[in-house]
Amino acid sequence: MKSKFEDFHFTSRNEHTEGLITGLLLGAAIGACVGILLAPKSGKALRGKIKDLADSQADTLGSSWEQAKDKAGKAAGDAKDAISSAADETGSKLKDLANKAENEIEDGVETVADRFQKKY
């Protein structure tokens, strides 16, 4: 029997959080615009208020964009450092294994040569 949740793909919490924040910001902006448009003001005062609101939202979005860029840059740097560290560690372990294998082969060759000399 197929579960009703088999086709549902769970996503990370960050994806839900980003969508929630985007929805809240968009809803707040739409609500503010509707409130301004429905308020009894003169055309000049209304245009001024809309301009002030747009400037405020542009500043907020600009600062959010800068924060997102900074976080993405830091995450990329951290990932690069982690990959570099893992590559160095892997290379070191491979060199150790190669040296160990070389020593084992040399010991085996010496053992076979000694046995051959003793026998003949």
PDB file of N, CA and C in Angstrom:
ATOM      1  N   MET A   1       0.846  -1.181   0.000  1.00  0.00           N
ATOM      2  CA  MET A   1       0.000   0.000   0.000  1.00  0.00           C
ATOM      3  C   MET A   1       0.881   1.229   0.000  1.00  0.00           C
ATOM      4  N   LYS A   2       0.592   2.159  -0.828  1.00  0.00           N
ATOM      5  CA  LYS A   2       1.380   3.373  -0.993  1.00  0.00           C
ATOM      6  C   LYS A   2       0.958   4.417   0.043  1.00  0.00           C
ATOM      7  N   SER A   3       1.963   4.959   0.733  1.00  0.00           N
ATOM      8  CA  SER A   3       1.700   6.006   1.713  1.00  0.00           C
ATOM      9  C   SER A   3       1.379   7.310   1.002  1.00  0.00           C
ATOM     10  N   LYS A   4       0.553   8.124   1.608  1.00  0.00           N
ATOM     11  CA  LYS A   4       0.190   9.395   0.990  1.00  0.00           C
ATOM     12  C   LYS A   4       1.346  10.389   1.024  1.00  0.00           C
ATOM     13  N   PHE A   5       2.419  10.079   1.760  1.00  0.00           N
ATOM     14  CA  PHE A   5       3.558  10.978   1.857  1.00  0.00           C
ATOM     15  C   PHE A   5       4.746  10.537   1.007  1.00  0.00           C
ATOM     16  N   GLU A   6       4.645   9.433   0.255  1.00  0.00           N
ATOM     17  CA  GLU A   6       5.776   8.944  -0.521  1.00  0.00           C
ATOM     18  C   GLU A   6       6.198   9.915  -1.604  1.00  0.00           C
ATOM     19  N   ASP A   7       5.258  10.598  -2.237  1.00  0.00           N
ATOM     20  CA  ASP A   7       5.585  11.505  -3.323  1.00  0.00           C
ATOM     21  C   ASP A   7       5.936  12.908  -2.827  1.00  0.00           C
ATOM     22  N   PHE A   8       5.842  13.143  -1.549  1.00  0.00           N
ATOM     23  CA  PHE A   8       6.120  14.458  -0.987  1.00  0.00           C
ATOM     24  C   PHE A   8       7.611  14.549  -0.673  1.00  0.00           C
ATOM     25  N   HIS A   9       8.259  15.577  -1.183  1.00  0.00           N
ATOM     26  CA  HIS A   9       9.687  15.753  -0.962  1.00  0.00           C
ATOM     27  C   HIS A   9       9.892  16.840   0.086  1.00  0.00           C
ATOM     28  N   PHE A  10      10.483  16.439   1.192  1.00  0.00           N
ATOM     29  CA  PHE A  10      10.745  17.403   2.243  1.00  0.00           C
ATOM     30  C   PHE A  10      11.953  18.239   1.854  1.00  0.00           C
ATOM     31  N   THR A  11      11.871  19.527   2.108  1.00  0.00           N
ATOM     32  CA  THR A  11      12.979  20.423   1.796  1.00  0.00           C
ATOM     33  C   THR A  11      13.551  20.947   3.091  1.00  0.00           C
ATOM     34  N   SER A  12      14.674  21.617   2.982  1.00  0.00           N
ATOM     35  CA  SER A  12      15.332  22.122   4.176  1.00  0.00           C
ATOM     36  C   SER A  12      14.538  23.277   4.784  1.00  0.00           C
ATOM     37  N   ARG A  13      14.810  23.541   6.009  1.00  0.00           N
ATOM     38  CA  ARG A  13      14.136  24.614   6.739  1.00  0.00           C
ATOM     39  C   ARG A  13      14.440  25.969   6.109  1.00  0.00           C
ATOM     40  N   ASN A  14      15.644  26.143   5.560  1.00  0.00           N
ATOM     41  CA  ASN A  14      16.032  27.424   4.965  1.00  0.00           C
ATOM     42  C   ASN A  14      15.122  27.804   3.802  1.00  0.00           C
ATOM     43  N   GLU A  15      14.729  26.828   2.972  1.00  0.00           N
ATOM     44  CA  GLU A  15      13.862  27.126   1.841  1.00  0.00           C
ATOM     45  C   GLU A  15      12.511  27.644   2.332  1.00  0.00           C
ATOM     46  N   HIS A  16      11.983  27.046   3.385  1.00  0.00           N
ATOM     47  CA  HIS A  16      10.703  27.491   3.931  1.00  0.00           C
ATOM     48  C   HIS A  16      10.843  28.877   4.564  1.00  0.00           C
ATOM     49  N   THR A  17      11.937  29.103   5.260  1.00  0.00           N
ATOM     50  CA  THR A  17      12.164  30.384   5.926  1.00  0.00           C
ATOM     51  C   THR A  17      12.288  31.500   4.902  1.00  0.00           C
ATOM     52  N   GLU A  18      13.038  31.261   3.825  1.00  0.00           N
ATOM     53  CA  GLU A  18      13.204  32.281   2.787  1.00  0.00           C
ATOM     54  C   GLU A  18      11.859  32.624   2.155  1.00  0.00           C
ATOM     55  N   GLY A  19      11.047  31.616   1.889  1.00  0.00           N
ATOM     56  CA  GLY A  19       9.729  31.857   1.301  1.00  0.00           C
ATOM     57  C   GLY A  19       8.830  32.626   2.237  1.00  0.00           C
ATOM     58  N   LEU A  20       8.908  32.311   3.515  1.00  0.00           N
ATOM     59  CA  LEU A  20       8.091  33.007   4.508  1.00  0.00           C
ATOM     60  C   LEU A  20       8.494  34.474   4.596  1.00  0.00           C
ATOM     61  N   ILE A  21       9.791  34.737   4.664  1.00  0.00           N
ATOM     62  CA  ILE A  21      10.267  36.117   4.762  1.00  0.00           C
ATOM     63  C   ILE A  21       9.885  36.897   3.512  1.00  0.00           C
ATOM     64  N   THR A  22      10.063  36.306   2.345  1.00  0.00           N
ATOM     65  CA  THR A  22       9.695  36.970   1.094  1.00  0.00           C
ATOM     66  C   THR A  22       8.210  37.280   1.072  1.00  0.00           C
ATOM     67  N   GLY A  23       7.395  36.337   1.477  1.00  0.00           N
ATOM     68  CA  GLY A  23       5.947  36.551   1.522  1.00  0.00           C
ATOM     69  C   GLY A  23       5.551  37.656   2.479  1.00  0.00           C
ATOM     70  N   LEU A  24       6.189  37.671   3.648  1.00  0.00           N
ATOM     71  CA  LEU A  24       5.879  38.722   4.630  1.00  0.00           C
ATOM     72  C   LEU A  24       6.266  40.102   4.115  1.00  0.00           C
ATOM     73  N   LEU A  25       7.445  40.214   3.507  1.00  0.00           N
ATOM     74  CA  LEU A  25       7.880  41.511   2.971  1.00  0.00           C
ATOM     75  C   LEU A  25       6.973  41.975   1.836  1.00  0.00           C
ATOM     76  N   LEU A  26       6.616  41.054   0.955  1.00  0.00           N
ATOM     77  CA  LEU A  26       5.740  41.400  -0.161  1.00  0.00           C
ATOM     78  C   LEU A  26       4.355  41.798   0.342  1.00  0.00           C
ATOM     79  N   GLY A  27       3.843  41.065   1.298  1.00  0.00           N
ATOM     80  CA  GLY A  27       2.538  41.395   1.872  1.00  0.00           C
ATOM     81  C   GLY A  27       2.543  42.746   2.566  1.00  0.00           C
ATOM     82  N   ALA A  28       3.630  43.057   3.282  1.00  0.00           N
ATOM     83  CA  ALA A  28       3.729  44.351   3.951  1.00  0.00           C
ATOM     84  C   ALA A  28       3.777  45.484   2.929  1.00  0.00           C
ATOM     85  N   ALA A  29       4.516  45.286   1.841  1.00  0.00           N
ATOM     86  CA  ALA A  29       4.613  46.321   0.808  1.00  0.00           C
ATOM     87  C   ALA A  29       3.266  46.540   0.135  1.00  0.00           C
ATOM     88  N   ILE A  30       2.575  45.464  -0.194  1.00  0.00           N
ATOM     89  CA  ILE A  30       1.266  45.586  -0.830  1.00  0.00           C
ATOM     90  C   ILE A  30       0.274  46.257   0.119  1.00  0.00           C
ATOM     91  N   GLY A  31       0.280  45.858   1.362  1.00  0.00           N
ATOM     92  CA  GLY A  31      -0.614  46.461   2.354  1.00  0.00           C
ATOM     93  C   GLY A  31      -0.352  47.946   2.531  1.00  0.00           C
ATOM     94  N   ALA A  32       0.923  48.322   2.547  1.00  0.00           N
ATOM     95  CA  ALA A  32       1.258  49.746   2.689  1.00  0.00           C
ATOM     96  C   ALA A  32       0.778  50.537   1.481  1.00  0.00           C
ATOM     97  N   CYS A  33       0.965  49.977   0.288  1.00  0.00           N
ATOM     98  CA  CYS A  33       0.516  50.672  -0.933  1.00  0.00           C
ATOM     99  C   CYS A  33      -1.000  50.827  -0.948  1.00  0.00           C
ATOM    100  N   VAL A  34      -1.716  49.781  -0.600  1.00  0.00           N
ATOM    101  CA  VAL A  34      -3.180  49.856  -0.586  1.00  0.00           C
ATOM    102  C   VAL A  34      -3.642  50.876   0.454  1.00  0.00           C
ATOM    103  N   GLY A  35      -3.017  50.886   1.610  1.00  0.00           N
ATOM    104  CA  GLY A  35      -3.367  51.848   2.650  1.00  0.00           C
ATOM    105  C   GLY A  35      -3.134  53.281   2.205  1.00  0.00           C
ATOM    106  N   ILE A  36      -2.044  53.516   1.524  1.00  0.00           N
ATOM    107  CA  ILE A  36      -1.737  54.863   1.034  1.00  0.00           C
ATOM    108  C   ILE A  36      -2.748  55.287  -0.024  1.00  0.00           C
ATOM    109  N   LEU A  37      -3.040  54.367  -0.947  1.00  0.00           N
ATOM    110  CA  LEU A  37      -3.957  54.704  -2.035  1.00  0.00           C
ATOM    111  C   LEU A  37      -5.382  54.952  -1.547  1.00  0.00           C
ATOM    112  N   LEU A  38      -5.786  54.297  -0.488  1.00  0.00           N
ATOM    113  CA  LEU A  38      -7.149  54.457   0.024  1.00  0.00           C
ATOM    114  C   LEU A  38      -7.282  55.614   1.010  1.00  0.00           C
ATOM    115  N   ALA A  39      -6.165  56.154   1.458  1.00  0.00           N
ATOM    116  CA  ALA A  39      -6.219  57.271   2.411  1.00  0.00           C
ATOM    117  C   ALA A  39      -6.657  58.553   1.680  1.00  0.00           C
ATOM    118  N   PRO A  40      -7.474  59.376   2.344  1.00  0.00           N
ATOM    119  CA  PRO A  40      -7.941  60.618   1.705  1.00  0.00           C
ATOM    120  C   PRO A  40      -6.868  61.707   1.750  1.00  0.00           C
ATOM    121  N   LYS A  41      -6.042  61.780   0.716  1.00  0.00           N
ATOM    122  CA  LYS A  41      -4.971  62.771   0.631  1.00  0.00           C
ATOM    123  C   LYS A  41      -5.028  63.430  -0.742  1.00  0.00           C
ATOM    124  N   SER A  42      -4.362  64.561  -0.873  1.00  0.00           N
ATOM    125  CA  SER A  42      -4.275  65.222  -2.175  1.00  0.00           C
ATOM    126  C   SER A  42      -3.295  64.458  -3.052  1.00  0.00           C
ATOM    127  N   GLY A  43      -3.352  64.660  -4.346  1.00  0.00           N
ATOM    128  CA  GLY A  43      -2.470  63.964  -5.289  1.00  0.00           C
ATOM    129  C   GLY A  43      -1.004  64.198  -5.007  1.00  0.00           C
ATOM    130  N   LYS A  44      -0.637  65.437  -4.703  1.00  0.00           N
ATOM    131  CA  LYS A  44       0.758  65.774  -4.448  1.00  0.00           C
ATOM    132  C   LYS A  44       1.257  65.079  -3.180  1.00  0.00           C
ATOM    133  N   ALA A  45       0.456  65.113  -2.129  1.00  0.00           N
ATOM    134  CA  ALA A  45       0.836  64.469  -0.867  1.00  0.00           C
ATOM    135  C   ALA A  45       0.926  62.956  -1.051  1.00  0.00           C
ATOM    136  N   LEU A  46      -0.018  62.391  -1.817  1.00  0.00           N
ATOM    137  CA  LEU A  46      -0.022  60.955  -2.069  1.00  0.00           C
ATOM    138  C   LEU A  46       1.219  60.544  -2.853  1.00  0.00           C
ATOM    139  N   ARG A  47       1.584  61.291  -3.890  1.00  0.00           N
ATOM    140  CA  ARG A  47       2.776  60.972  -4.677  1.00  0.00           C
ATOM    141  C   ARG A  47       4.034  61.056  -3.813  1.00  0.00           C
ATOM    142  N   GLY A  48       4.090  62.059  -2.940  1.00  0.00           N
ATOM    143  CA  GLY A  48       5.233  62.203  -2.031  1.00  0.00           C
ATOM    144  C   GLY A  48       5.352  61.019  -1.087  1.00  0.00           C
ATOM    145  N   LYS A  49       4.209  60.603  -0.561  1.00  0.00           N
ATOM    146  CA  LYS A  49       4.215  59.474   0.368  1.00  0.00           C
ATOM    147  C   LYS A  49       4.619  58.180  -0.347  1.00  0.00           C
ATOM    148  N   ILE A  50       4.132  57.985  -1.575  1.00  0.00           N
ATOM    149  CA  ILE A  50       4.507  56.800  -2.355  1.00  0.00           C
ATOM    150  C   ILE A  50       6.002  56.815  -2.652  1.00  0.00           C
ATOM    151  N   LYS A  51       6.540  57.997  -2.999  1.00  0.00           N
ATOM    152  CA  LYS A  51       7.972  58.105  -3.271  1.00  0.00           C
ATOM    153  C   LYS A  51       8.784  57.765  -2.027  1.00  0.00           C
ATOM    154  N   ASP A  52       8.371  58.284  -0.876  1.00  0.00           N
ATOM    155  CA  ASP A  52       9.075  57.989   0.370  1.00  0.00           C
ATOM    156  C   ASP A  52       9.039  56.491   0.682  1.00  0.00           C
ATOM    157  N   LEU A  53       7.878  55.869   0.475  1.00  0.00           N
ATOM    158  CA  LEU A  53       7.743  54.436   0.719  1.00  0.00           C
ATOM    159  C   LEU A  53       8.627  53.645  -0.239  1.00  0.00           C
ATOM    160  N   ALA A  54       8.638  54.030  -1.507  1.00  0.00           N
ATOM    161  CA  ALA A  54       9.461  53.328  -2.489  1.00  0.00           C
ATOM    162  C   ALA A  54      10.940  53.464  -2.147  1.00  0.00           C
ATOM    163  N   ASP A  55      11.361  54.649  -1.745  1.00  0.00           N
ATOM    164  CA  ASP A  55      12.758  54.855  -1.357  1.00  0.00           C
ATOM    165  C   ASP A  55      13.126  53.995  -0.149  1.00  0.00           C
ATOM    166  N   SER A  56      12.228  53.939   0.809  1.00  0.00           N
ATOM    167  CA  SER A  56      12.462  53.138   2.010  1.00  0.00           C
ATOM    168  C   SER A  56      12.595  51.653   1.655  1.00  0.00           C
ATOM    169  N   GLN A  57      11.688  51.173   0.803  1.00  0.00           N
ATOM    170  CA  GLN A  57      11.737  49.764   0.395  1.00  0.00           C
ATOM    171  C   GLN A  57      12.997  49.471  -0.412  1.00  0.00           C
ATOM    172  N   ALA A  58      13.411  50.402  -1.266  1.00  0.00           N
ATOM    173  CA  ALA A  58      14.633  50.216  -2.055  1.00  0.00           C
ATOM    174  C   ALA A  58      15.846  50.111  -1.133  1.00  0.00           C
ATOM    175  N   ASP A  59      15.891  50.947  -0.105  1.00  0.00           N
ATOM    176  CA  ASP A  59      16.996  50.889   0.855  1.00  0.00           C
ATOM    177  C   ASP A  59      17.008  49.545   1.592  1.00  0.00           C
ATOM    178  N   THR A  60      15.830  49.101   2.012  1.00  0.00           N
ATOM    179  CA  THR A  60      15.726  47.828   2.720  1.00  0.00           C
ATOM    180  C   THR A  60      16.175  46.674   1.831  1.00  0.00           C
ATOM    181  N   LEU A  61      15.694  46.664   0.594  1.00  0.00           N
ATOM    182  CA  LEU A  61      16.075  45.594  -0.326  1.00  0.00           C
ATOM    183  C   LEU A  61      17.564  45.647  -0.647  1.00  0.00           C
ATOM    184  N   GLY A  62      18.110  46.839  -0.790  1.00  0.00           N
ATOM    185  CA  GLY A  62      19.544  46.976  -1.058  1.00  0.00           C
ATOM    186  C   GLY A  62      20.386  46.420   0.064  1.00  0.00           C
ATOM    187  N   SER A  63      19.995  46.719   1.297  1.00  0.00           N
ATOM    188  CA  SER A  63      20.766  46.209   2.424  1.00  0.00           C
ATOM    189  C   SER A  63      20.602  44.696   2.564  1.00  0.00           C
ATOM    190  N   SER A  64      19.404  44.173   2.278  1.00  0.00           N
ATOM    191  CA  SER A  64      19.198  42.718   2.309  1.00  0.00           C
ATOM    192  C   SER A  64      20.049  42.040   1.244  1.00  0.00           C
ATOM    193  N   TRP A  65      20.131  42.657   0.076  1.00  0.00           N
ATOM    194  CA  TRP A  65      20.927  42.102  -1.022  1.00  0.00           C
ATOM    195  C   TRP A  65      22.407  42.048  -0.619  1.00  0.00           C
ATOM    196  N   GLU A  66      22.912  43.100  -0.012  1.00  0.00           N
ATOM    197  CA  GLU A  66      24.311  43.139   0.417  1.00  0.00           C
ATOM    198  C   GLU A  66      24.591  42.065   1.468  1.00  0.00           C
ATOM    199  N   GLN A  67      23.662  41.894   2.407  1.00  0.00           N
ATOM    200  CA  GLN A  67      23.836  40.862   3.429  1.00  0.00           C
ATOM    201  C   GLN A  67      23.856  39.476   2.794  1.00  0.00           C
ATOM    202  N   ALA A  68      22.967  39.239   1.828  1.00  0.00           N
ATOM    203  CA  ALA A  68      22.922  37.940   1.149  1.00  0.00           C
ATOM    204  C   ALA A  68      24.224  37.690   0.385  1.00  0.00           C
ATOM    205  N   LYS A  69      24.738  38.735  -0.288  1.00  0.00           N
ATOM    206  CA  LYS A  69      26.006  38.582  -1.014  1.00  0.00           C
ATOM    207  C   LYS A  69      27.147  38.252  -0.055  1.00  0.00           C
ATOM    208  N   ASP A  70      27.181  38.932   1.081  1.00  0.00           N
ATOM    209  CA  ASP A  70      28.237  38.675   2.062  1.00  0.00           C
ATOM    210  C   ASP A  70      28.169  37.245   2.589  1.00  0.00           C
ATOM    211  N   LYS A  71      26.958  36.786   2.894  1.00  0.00           N
ATOM    212  CA  LYS A  71      26.791  35.415   3.398  1.00  0.00           C
ATOM    213  C   LYS A  71      27.183  34.397   2.336  1.00  0.00           C
ATOM    214  N   ALA A  72      26.798  34.640   1.091  1.00  0.00           N
ATOM    215  CA  ALA A  72      27.150  33.719   0.011  1.00  0.00           C
ATOM    216  C   ALA A  72      28.660  33.682  -0.197  1.00  0.00           C
ATOM    217  N   GLY A  73      29.309  34.848  -0.127  1.00  0.00           N
ATOM    218  CA  GLY A  73      30.764  34.894  -0.267  1.00  0.00           C
ATOM    219  C   GLY A  73      31.466  34.143   0.848  1.00  0.00           C
ATOM    220  N   LYS A  74      30.964  34.311   2.072  1.00  0.00           N
ATOM    221  CA  LYS A  74      31.556  33.604   3.209  1.00  0.00           C
ATOM    222  C   LYS A  74      31.356  32.099   3.070  1.00  0.00           C
ATOM    223  N   ALA A  75      30.164  31.685   2.660  1.00  0.00           N
ATOM    224  CA  ALA A  75      29.894  30.254   2.485  1.00  0.00           C
ATOM    225  C   ALA A  75      30.786  29.669   1.398  1.00  0.00           C
ATOM    226  N   ALA A  76      30.979  30.409   0.312  1.00  0.00           N
ATOM    227  CA  ALA A  76      31.843  29.929  -0.765  1.00  0.00           C
ATOM    228  C   ALA A  76      33.284  29.811  -0.282  1.00  0.00           C
ATOM    229  N   GLY A  77      33.739  30.787   0.483  1.00  0.00           N
ATOM    230  CA  GLY A  77      35.096  30.731   1.032  1.00  0.00           C
ATOM    231  C   GLY A  77      35.275  29.560   1.984  1.00  0.00           C
ATOM    232  N   ASP A  78      34.279  29.339   2.838  1.00  0.00           N
ATOM    233  CA  ASP A  78      34.341  28.207   3.773  1.00  0.00           C
ATOM    234  C   ASP A  78      34.373  26.880   3.023  1.00  0.00           C
ATOM    235  N   ALA A  79      33.559  26.772   1.971  1.00  0.00           N
ATOM    236  CA  ALA A  79      33.530  25.535   1.183  1.00  0.00           C
ATOM    237  C   ALA A  79      34.871  25.316   0.488  1.00  0.00           C
ATOM    238  N   LYS A  80      35.444  26.375  -0.053  1.00  0.00           N
ATOM    239  CA  LYS A  80      36.740  26.274  -0.724  1.00  0.00           C
ATOM    240  C   LYS A  80      37.814  25.814   0.259  1.00  0.00           C
ATOM    241  N   ASP A  81      37.811  26.388   1.463  1.00  0.00           N
ATOM    242  CA  ASP A  81      38.793  25.999   2.478  1.00  0.00           C
ATOM    243  C   ASP A  81      38.614  24.535   2.883  1.00  0.00           C
ATOM    244  N   ALA A  82      37.358  24.104   3.043  1.00  0.00           N
ATOM    245  CA  ALA A  82      37.091  22.723   3.443  1.00  0.00           C
ATOM    246  C   ALA A  82      37.548  21.753   2.355  1.00  0.00           C
ATOM    247  N   ILE A  83      37.290  22.090   1.104  1.00  0.00           N
ATOM    248  CA  ILE A  83      37.694  21.218  -0.010  1.00  0.00           C
ATOM    249  C   ILE A  83      39.214  21.158  -0.101  1.00  0.00           C
ATOM    250  N   SER A  84      39.857  22.297   0.046  1.00  0.00           N
ATOM    251  CA  SER A  84      41.316  22.338  -0.014  1.00  0.00           C
ATOM    252  C   SER A  84      41.934  21.506   1.106  1.00  0.00           C
ATOM    253  N   SER A  85      41.377  21.632   2.305  1.00  0.00           N
ATOM    254  CA  SER A  85      41.869  20.868   3.449  1.00  0.00           C
ATOM    255  C   SER A  85      41.675  19.370   3.227  1.00  0.00           C
ATOM    256  N   ALA A  86      40.501  18.992   2.721  1.00  0.00           N
ATOM    257  CA  ALA A  86      40.233  17.574   2.457  1.00  0.00           C
ATOM    258  C   ALA A  86      41.167  17.034   1.377  1.00  0.00           C
ATOM    259  N   ALA A  87      41.433  17.840   0.356  1.00  0.00           N
ATOM    260  CA  ALA A  87      42.336  17.407  -0.720  1.00  0.00           C
ATOM    261  C   ALA A  87      43.750  17.212  -0.175  1.00  0.00           C
ATOM    262  N   ASP A  88      44.216  18.140   0.660  1.00  0.00           N
ATOM    263  CA  ASP A  88      45.553  18.017   1.250  1.00  0.00           C
ATOM    264  C   ASP A  88      45.651  16.768   2.117  1.00  0.00           C
ATOM    265  N   GLU A  89      44.634  16.539   2.925  1.00  0.00           N
ATOM    266  CA  GLU A  89      44.632  15.374   3.809  1.00  0.00           C
ATOM    267  C   GLU A  89      44.598  14.078   3.003  1.00  0.00           C
ATOM    268  N   THR A  90      43.785  14.062   1.958  1.00  0.00           N
ATOM    269  CA  THR A  90      43.695  12.873   1.113  1.00  0.00           C
ATOM    270  C   THR A  90      45.026  12.614   0.413  1.00  0.00           C
ATOM    271  N   GLY A  91      45.654  13.681  -0.097  1.00  0.00           N
ATOM    272  CA  GLY A  91      46.953  13.523  -0.752  1.00  0.00           C
ATOM    273  C   GLY A  91      47.992  12.972   0.199  1.00  0.00           C
ATOM    274  N   SER A  92      47.994  13.462   1.426  1.00  0.00           N
ATOM    275  CA  SER A  92      48.939  12.988   2.432  1.00  0.00           C
ATOM    276  C   SER A  92      48.718  11.508   2.744  1.00  0.00           C
ATOM    277  N   LYS A  93      47.458  11.124   2.882  1.00  0.00           N
ATOM    278  CA  LYS A  93      47.160   9.718   3.172  1.00  0.00           C
ATOM    279  C   LYS A  93      47.545   8.820   2.003  1.00  0.00           C
ATOM    280  N   LEU A  94      47.308   9.299   0.776  1.00  0.00           N
ATOM    281  CA  LEU A  94      47.696   8.503  -0.393  1.00  0.00           C
ATOM    282  C   LEU A  94      49.210   8.326  -0.460  1.00  0.00           C
ATOM    283  N   LYS A  95      49.980   9.370  -0.141  1.00  0.00           N
ATOM    284  CA  LYS A  95      51.439   9.255  -0.131  1.00  0.00           C
ATOM    285  C   LYS A  95      51.883   8.241   0.916  1.00  0.00           C
ATOM    286  N   ASP A  96      51.263   8.292   2.099  1.00  0.00           N
ATOM    287  CA  ASP A  96      51.602   7.333   3.155  1.00  0.00           C
ATOM    288  C   ASP A  96      51.310   5.909   2.708  1.00  0.00           C
ATOM    289  N   LEU A  97      50.147   5.700   2.078  1.00  0.00           N
ATOM    290  CA  LEU A  97      49.797   4.359   1.607  1.00  0.00           C
ATOM    291  C   LEU A  97      50.743   3.894   0.502  1.00  0.00           C
ATOM    292  N   ALA A  98      51.123   4.798  -0.393  1.00  0.00           N
ATOM    293  CA  ALA A  98      52.056   4.436  -1.464  1.00  0.00           C
ATOM    294  C   ALA A  98      53.413   4.053  -0.885  1.00  0.00           C
ATOM    295  N   ASN A  99      53.884   4.805   0.094  1.00  0.00           N
ATOM    296  CA  ASN A  99      55.164   4.475   0.739  1.00  0.00           C
ATOM    297  C   ASN A  99      55.087   3.130   1.450  1.00  0.00           C
ATOM    298  N   LYS A 100      53.983   2.897   2.126  1.00  0.00           N
ATOM    299  CA  LYS A 100      53.803   1.626   2.836  1.00  0.00           C
ATOM    300  C   LYS A 100      53.772   0.465   1.837  1.00  0.00           C
ATOM    301  N   ALA A 101      53.059   0.646   0.726  1.00  0.00           N
ATOM    302  CA  ALA A 101      52.989  -0.402  -0.295  1.00  0.00           C
ATOM    303  C   ALA A 101      54.373  -0.642  -0.898  1.00  0.00           C
ATOM    304  N   GLU A 102      55.114   0.421  -1.152  1.00  0.00           N
ATOM    305  CA  GLU A 102      56.462   0.280  -1.717  1.00  0.00           C
ATOM    306  C   GLU A 102      57.357  -0.493  -0.757  1.00  0.00           C
ATOM    307  N   ASN A 103      57.288  -0.180   0.539  1.00  0.00           N
ATOM    308  CA  ASN A 103      58.089  -0.898   1.538  1.00  0.00           C
ATOM    309  C   ASN A 103      57.704  -2.372   1.608  1.00  0.00           C
ATOM    310  N   GLU A 104      56.399  -2.652   1.548  1.00  0.00           N
ATOM    311  CA  GLU A 104      55.941  -4.048   1.595  1.00  0.00           C
ATOM    312  C   GLU A 104      56.437  -4.820   0.370  1.00  0.00           C
ATOM    313  N   ILE A 105      56.391  -4.174  -0.789  1.00  0.00           N
ATOM    314  CA  ILE A 105      56.856  -4.838  -2.018  1.00  0.00           C
ATOM    315  C   ILE A 105      58.355  -5.100  -1.942  1.00  0.00           C
ATOM    316  N   GLU A 106      59.116  -4.105  -1.464  1.00  0.00           N
ATOM    317  CA  GLU A 106      60.563  -4.293  -1.336  1.00  0.00           C
ATOM    318  C   GLU A 106      60.877  -5.427  -0.366  1.00  0.00           C
ATOM    319  N   ASP A 107      60.149  -5.490   0.766  1.00  0.00           N
ATOM    320  CA  ASP A 107      60.360  -6.574   1.731  1.00  0.00           C
ATOM    321  C   ASP A 107      60.029  -7.926   1.108  1.00  0.00           C
ATOM    322  N   GLY A 108      58.954  -7.973   0.326  1.00  0.00           N
ATOM    323  CA  GLY A 108      58.565  -9.223  -0.325  1.00  0.00           C
ATOM    324  C   GLY A 108      59.588  -9.669  -1.349  1.00  0.00           C
ATOM    325  N   VAL A 109      60.121  -8.724  -2.119  1.00  0.00           N
ATOM    326  CA  VAL A 109      61.144  -9.054  -3.119  1.00  0.00           C
ATOM    327  C   VAL A 109      62.395  -9.577  -2.432  1.00  0.00           C
ATOM    328  N   GLU A 110      62.798  -8.925  -1.334  1.00  0.00           N
ATOM    329  CA  GLU A 110      63.978  -9.374  -0.599  1.00  0.00           C
ATOM    330  C   GLU A 110      63.764 -10.776  -0.034  1.00  0.00           C
ATOM    331  N   THR A 111      62.575 -11.041   0.485  1.00  0.00           N
ATOM    332  CA  THR A 111      62.268 -12.356   1.040  1.00  0.00           C
ATOM    333  C   THR A 111      62.332 -13.424  -0.045  1.00  0.00           C
ATOM    334  N   VAL A 112      61.757 -13.149  -1.196  1.00  0.00           N
ATOM    335  CA  VAL A 112      61.775 -14.115  -2.304  1.00  0.00           C
ATOM    336  C   VAL A 112      63.207 -14.328  -2.785  1.00  0.00           C
ATOM    337  N   ALA A 113      63.997 -13.255  -2.887  1.00  0.00           N
ATOM    338  CA  ALA A 113      65.392 -13.375  -3.338  1.00  0.00           C
ATOM    339  C   ALA A 113      66.203 -14.206  -2.349  1.00  0.00           C
ATOM    340  N   ASP A 114      65.990 -13.976  -1.034  1.00  0.00           N
ATOM    341  CA  ASP A 114      66.712 -14.755  -0.020  1.00  0.00           C
ATOM    342  C   ASP A 114      66.348 -16.229  -0.104  1.00  0.00           C
ATOM    343  N   ARG A 115      65.086 -16.517  -0.236  1.00  0.00           N
ATOM    344  CA  ARG A 115      64.647 -17.924  -0.331  1.00  0.00           C
ATOM    345  C   ARG A 115      65.200 -18.584  -1.584  1.00  0.00           C
ATOM    346  N   PHE A 116      65.247 -17.851  -2.686  1.00  0.00           N
ATOM    347  CA  PHE A 116      65.770 -18.396  -3.940  1.00  0.00           C
ATOM    348  C   PHE A 116      67.248 -18.693  -3.811  1.00  0.00           C
ATOM    349  N   GLN A 117      68.021 -17.780  -3.170  1.00  0.00           N
ATOM    350  CA  GLN A 117      69.450 -17.973  -3.001  1.00  0.00           C
ATOM    351  C   GLN A 117      69.737 -19.159  -2.081  1.00  0.00           C
ATOM    352  N   LYS A 118      68.946 -19.325  -1.040  1.00  0.00           N
ATOM    353  CA  LYS A 118      69.140 -20.429  -0.107  1.00  0.00           C
ATOM    354  C   LYS A 118      68.817 -21.768  -0.776  1.00  0.00           C
ATOM    355  N   LYS A 119      67.844 -21.755  -1.641  1.00  0.00           N
ATOM    356  CA  LYS A 119      67.417 -22.997  -2.278  1.00  0.00           C
ATOM    357  C   LYS A 119      68.403 -23.396  -3.378  1.00  0.00           C
ATOM    358  N   TYR A 120      69.003 -22.455  -4.104  1.00  0.00           N
ATOM    359  CA  TYR A 120      69.845 -22.780  -5.237  1.00  0.00           C
ATOM    360  C   TYR A 120      71.239 -22.337  -4.940  1.00  0.00           C
TER     361      TYR A 120
END
